[in-house]
Amino acid sequence: MLGFKSFQTATCILNGVEAMHMMKKGQIHQGVKSAQNQKEFFHKLFALAS
């Protein structure tokens, strides 16, 4: 890896990695584990417009 270009990029990537680890460990209660619920979780986590 060559490094991050900006602080914003670094925080977004590291938040995504951390979220994936939490999901893998089962630390996030999402009810039914469907693709739609996972999409909504990421939108809430990263404050994306849906």
PDB file of N, CA and C in Angstrom:
ATOM      1  N   MET A   1       0.853  -1.175   0.000  1.00  0.00           N
ATOM      2  CA  MET A   1       0.000   0.000   0.000  1.00  0.00           C
ATOM      3  C   MET A   1       0.896   1.234   0.000  1.00  0.00           C
ATOM      4  N   LEU A   2       0.570   2.176  -0.825  1.00  0.00           N
ATOM      5  CA  LEU A   2       1.396   3.369  -0.960  1.00  0.00           C
ATOM      6  C   LEU A   2       1.049   4.475   0.032  1.00  0.00           C
ATOM      7  N   GLY A   3      -0.004   4.330   0.759  1.00  0.00           N
ATOM      8  CA  GLY A   3      -0.394   5.353   1.714  1.00  0.00           C
ATOM      9  C   GLY A   3      -1.676   6.040   1.301  1.00  0.00           C
ATOM     10  N   PHE A   4      -2.204   6.831   2.198  1.00  0.00           N
ATOM     11  CA  PHE A   4      -3.453   7.537   1.956  1.00  0.00           C
ATOM     12  C   PHE A   4      -3.153   8.931   1.428  1.00  0.00           C
ATOM     13  N   LYS A   5      -4.003   9.408   0.524  1.00  0.00           N
ATOM     14  CA  LYS A   5      -3.787  10.729  -0.070  1.00  0.00           C
ATOM     15  C   LYS A   5      -4.242  11.858   0.852  1.00  0.00           C
ATOM     16  N   SER A   6      -5.259  11.581   1.676  1.00  0.00           N
ATOM     17  CA  SER A   6      -5.753  12.615   2.575  1.00  0.00           C
ATOM     18  C   SER A   6      -6.271  11.983   3.863  1.00  0.00           C
ATOM     19  N   PHE A   7      -6.469  12.803   4.863  1.00  0.00           N
ATOM     20  CA  PHE A   7      -6.989  12.316   6.135  1.00  0.00           C
ATOM     21  C   PHE A   7      -8.405  11.774   5.973  1.00  0.00           C
ATOM     22  N   GLN A   8      -9.208  12.426   5.148  1.00  0.00           N
ATOM     23  CA  GLN A   8     -10.590  11.978   4.927  1.00  0.00           C
ATOM     24  C   GLN A   8     -10.615  10.584   4.301  1.00  0.00           C
ATOM     25  N   THR A   9      -9.755  10.347   3.340  1.00  0.00           N
ATOM     26  CA  THR A   9      -9.674   9.035   2.708  1.00  0.00           C
ATOM     27  C   THR A   9      -9.264   7.979   3.723  1.00  0.00           C
ATOM     28  N   ALA A  10      -8.292   8.295   4.548  1.00  0.00           N
ATOM     29  CA  ALA A  10      -7.822   7.349   5.556  1.00  0.00           C
ATOM     30  C   ALA A  10      -8.934   6.991   6.541  1.00  0.00           C
ATOM     31  N   THR A  11      -9.677   7.988   7.005  1.00  0.00           N
ATOM     32  CA  THR A  11     -10.735   7.699   7.973  1.00  0.00           C
ATOM     33  C   THR A  11     -11.849   6.860   7.346  1.00  0.00           C
ATOM     34  N   CYS A  12     -12.204   7.135   6.106  1.00  0.00           N
ATOM     35  CA  CYS A  12     -13.258   6.348   5.446  1.00  0.00           C
ATOM     36  C   CYS A  12     -12.833   4.897   5.271  1.00  0.00           C
ATOM     37  N   ILE A  13     -11.618   4.669   4.834  1.00  0.00           N
ATOM     38  CA  ILE A  13     -11.145   3.307   4.614  1.00  0.00           C
ATOM     39  C   ILE A  13     -11.026   2.560   5.938  1.00  0.00           C
ATOM     40  N   LEU A  14     -10.465   3.198   6.947  1.00  0.00           N
ATOM     41  CA  LEU A  14     -10.312   2.528   8.237  1.00  0.00           C
ATOM     42  C   LEU A  14     -11.657   2.268   8.905  1.00  0.00           C
ATOM     43  N   ASN A  15     -12.622   3.163   8.739  1.00  0.00           N
ATOM     44  CA  ASN A  15     -13.970   2.910   9.258  1.00  0.00           C
ATOM     45  C   ASN A  15     -14.596   1.712   8.570  1.00  0.00           C
ATOM     46  N   GLY A  16     -14.385   1.582   7.281  1.00  0.00           N
ATOM     47  CA  GLY A  16     -14.918   0.444   6.548  1.00  0.00           C
ATOM     48  C   GLY A  16     -14.295  -0.863   6.989  1.00  0.00           C
ATOM     49  N   VAL A  17     -12.993  -0.862   7.190  1.00  0.00           N
ATOM     50  CA  VAL A  17     -12.306  -2.068   7.663  1.00  0.00           C
ATOM     51  C   VAL A  17     -12.823  -2.459   9.044  1.00  0.00           C
ATOM     52  N   GLU A  18     -12.952  -1.476   9.918  1.00  0.00           N
ATOM     53  CA  GLU A  18     -13.444  -1.744  11.272  1.00  0.00           C
ATOM     54  C   GLU A  18     -14.881  -2.258  11.246  1.00  0.00           C
ATOM     55  N   ALA A  19     -15.707  -1.703  10.388  1.00  0.00           N
ATOM     56  CA  ALA A  19     -17.096  -2.165  10.272  1.00  0.00           C
ATOM     57  C   ALA A  19     -17.155  -3.610   9.793  1.00  0.00           C
ATOM     58  N   MET A  20     -16.303  -3.966   8.839  1.00  0.00           N
ATOM     59  CA  MET A  20     -16.282  -5.344   8.345  1.00  0.00           C
ATOM     60  C   MET A  20     -15.841  -6.309   9.439  1.00  0.00           C
ATOM     61  N   HIS A  21     -14.865  -5.919  10.250  1.00  0.00           N
ATOM     62  CA  HIS A  21     -14.443  -6.770  11.361  1.00  0.00           C
ATOM     63  C   HIS A  21     -15.576  -6.953  12.373  1.00  0.00           C
ATOM     64  N   MET A  22     -16.302  -5.870  12.659  1.00  0.00           N
ATOM     65  CA  MET A  22     -17.419  -5.961  13.602  1.00  0.00           C
ATOM     66  C   MET A  22     -18.502  -6.884  13.063  1.00  0.00           C
ATOM     67  N   MET A  23     -18.789  -6.794  11.771  1.00  0.00           N
ATOM     68  CA  MET A  23     -19.807  -7.656  11.179  1.00  0.00           C
ATOM     69  C   MET A  23     -19.358  -9.114  11.214  1.00  0.00           C
ATOM     70  N   LYS A  24     -18.085  -9.361  10.932  1.00  0.00           N
ATOM     71  CA  LYS A  24     -17.553 -10.715  10.928  1.00  0.00           C
ATOM     72  C   LYS A  24     -17.624 -11.347  12.317  1.00  0.00           C
ATOM     73  N   LYS A  25     -17.368 -10.552  13.358  1.00  0.00           N
ATOM     74  CA  LYS A  25     -17.410 -11.046  14.734  1.00  0.00           C
ATOM     75  C   LYS A  25     -18.833 -11.179  15.259  1.00  0.00           C
ATOM     76  N   GLY A  26     -19.801 -10.634  14.543  1.00  0.00           N
ATOM     77  CA  GLY A  26     -21.186 -10.691  15.002  1.00  0.00           C
ATOM     78  C   GLY A  26     -21.507  -9.682  16.081  1.00  0.00           C
ATOM     79  N   GLN A  27     -20.786  -8.586  16.128  1.00  0.00           N
ATOM     80  CA  GLN A  27     -20.990  -7.567  17.152  1.00  0.00           C
ATOM     81  C   GLN A  27     -22.103  -6.588  16.794  1.00  0.00           C
ATOM     82  N   ILE A  28     -22.634  -6.699  15.602  1.00  0.00           N
ATOM     83  CA  ILE A  28     -23.673  -5.779  15.149  1.00  0.00           C
ATOM     84  C   ILE A  28     -24.973  -6.550  15.013  1.00  0.00           C
ATOM     85  N   HIS A  29     -25.996  -6.086  15.722  1.00  0.00           N
ATOM     86  CA  HIS A  29     -27.308  -6.722  15.622  1.00  0.00           C
ATOM     87  C   HIS A  29     -28.070  -6.065  14.487  1.00  0.00           C
ATOM     88  N   GLN A  30     -28.345  -6.839  13.442  1.00  0.00           N
ATOM     89  CA  GLN A  30     -29.025  -6.287  12.273  1.00  0.00           C
ATOM     90  C   GLN A  30     -30.369  -6.950  12.025  1.00  0.00           C
ATOM     91  N   GLY A  31     -30.813  -7.788  12.907  1.00  0.00           N
ATOM     92  CA  GLY A  31     -32.059  -8.496  12.638  1.00  0.00           C
ATOM     93  C   GLY A  31     -31.810  -9.545  11.576  1.00  0.00           C
ATOM     94  N   VAL A  32     -32.548  -9.508  10.508  1.00  0.00           N
ATOM     95  CA  VAL A  32     -32.344 -10.429   9.398  1.00  0.00           C
ATOM     96  C   VAL A  32     -31.108  -9.987   8.633  1.00  0.00           C
ATOM     97  N   LYS A  33     -30.184 -10.906   8.423  1.00  0.00           N
ATOM     98  CA  LYS A  33     -28.923 -10.567   7.756  1.00  0.00           C
ATOM     99  C   LYS A  33     -29.091 -10.659   6.243  1.00  0.00           C
ATOM    100  N   SER A  34     -29.689  -9.652   5.682  1.00  0.00           N
ATOM    101  CA  SER A  34     -29.888  -9.611   4.237  1.00  0.00           C
ATOM    102  C   SER A  34     -28.988  -8.535   3.635  1.00  0.00           C
ATOM    103  N   ALA A  35     -28.855  -8.563   2.348  1.00  0.00           N
ATOM    104  CA  ALA A  35     -28.040  -7.570   1.655  1.00  0.00           C
ATOM    105  C   ALA A  35     -28.626  -6.167   1.847  1.00  0.00           C
ATOM    106  N   GLN A  36     -29.944  -6.064   1.871  1.00  0.00           N
ATOM    107  CA  GLN A  36     -30.596  -4.763   2.060  1.00  0.00           C
ATOM    108  C   GLN A  36     -30.265  -4.189   3.437  1.00  0.00           C
ATOM    109  N   ASN A  37     -30.305  -5.017   4.484  1.00  0.00           N
ATOM    110  CA  ASN A  37     -29.972  -4.540   5.827  1.00  0.00           C
ATOM    111  C   ASN A  37     -28.514  -4.115   5.916  1.00  0.00           C
ATOM    112  N   GLN A  38     -27.628  -4.852   5.261  1.00  0.00           N
ATOM    113  CA  GLN A  38     -26.222  -4.482   5.272  1.00  0.00           C
ATOM    114  C   GLN A  38     -26.004  -3.169   4.541  1.00  0.00           C
ATOM    115  N   LYS A  39     -26.717  -2.960   3.451  1.00  0.00           N
ATOM    116  CA  LYS A  39     -26.603  -1.700   2.708  1.00  0.00           C
ATOM    117  C   LYS A  39     -27.076  -0.536   3.577  1.00  0.00           C
ATOM    118  N   GLU A  40     -28.197  -0.717   4.263  1.00  0.00           N
ATOM    119  CA  GLU A  40     -28.713   0.338   5.138  1.00  0.00           C
ATOM    120  C   GLU A  40     -27.752   0.629   6.284  1.00  0.00           C
ATOM    121  N   PHE A  41     -27.133  -0.422   6.822  1.00  0.00           N
ATOM    122  CA  PHE A  41     -26.158  -0.239   7.896  1.00  0.00           C
ATOM    123  C   PHE A  41     -24.987   0.629   7.427  1.00  0.00           C
ATOM    124  N   PHE A  42     -24.446   0.335   6.249  1.00  0.00           N
ATOM    125  CA  PHE A  42     -23.325   1.116   5.738  1.00  0.00           C
ATOM    126  C   PHE A  42     -23.734   2.546   5.439  1.00  0.00           C
ATOM    127  N   HIS A  43     -24.925   2.745   4.953  1.00  0.00           N
ATOM    128  CA  HIS A  43     -25.392   4.106   4.678  1.00  0.00           C
ATOM    129  C   HIS A  43     -25.505   4.892   5.975  1.00  0.00           C
ATOM    130  N   LYS A  44     -25.997   4.261   7.030  1.00  0.00           N
ATOM    131  CA  LYS A  44     -26.081   4.946   8.327  1.00  0.00           C
ATOM    132  C   LYS A  44     -24.705   5.184   8.913  1.00  0.00           C
ATOM    133  N   LEU A  45     -23.818   4.182   8.779  1.00  0.00           N
ATOM    134  CA  LEU A  45     -22.485   4.279   9.361  1.00  0.00           C
ATOM    135  C   LEU A  45     -21.675   5.409   8.734  1.00  0.00           C
ATOM    136  N   PHE A  46     -21.739   5.529   7.427  1.00  0.00           N
ATOM    137  CA  PHE A  46     -20.942   6.520   6.720  1.00  0.00           C
ATOM    138  C   PHE A  46     -21.745   7.748   6.318  1.00  0.00           C
ATOM    139  N   ALA A  47     -22.971   7.869   6.789  1.00  0.00           N
ATOM    140  CA  ALA A  47     -23.852   9.018   6.515  1.00  0.00           C
ATOM    141  C   ALA A  47     -23.997   9.278   5.025  1.00  0.00           C
ATOM    142  N   LEU A  48     -24.293   8.226   4.285  1.00  0.00           N
ATOM    143  CA  LEU A  48     -24.485   8.339   2.847  1.00  0.00           C
ATOM    144  C   LEU A  48     -25.965   8.614   2.545  1.00  0.00           C
ATOM    145  N   ALA A  49     -26.210   9.312   1.498  1.00  0.00           N
ATOM    146  CA  ALA A  49     -27.585   9.550   1.062  1.00  0.00           C
ATOM    147  C   ALA A  49     -28.098   8.303   0.382  1.00  0.00           C
ATOM    148  N   SER A  50     -29.320   7.874   0.729  1.00  0.00           N
ATOM    149  CA  SER A  50     -29.843   6.667   0.099  1.00  0.00           C
ATOM    150  C   SER A  50     -31.012   6.953  -0.776  1.00  0.00           C
TER     151      SER A  50
END
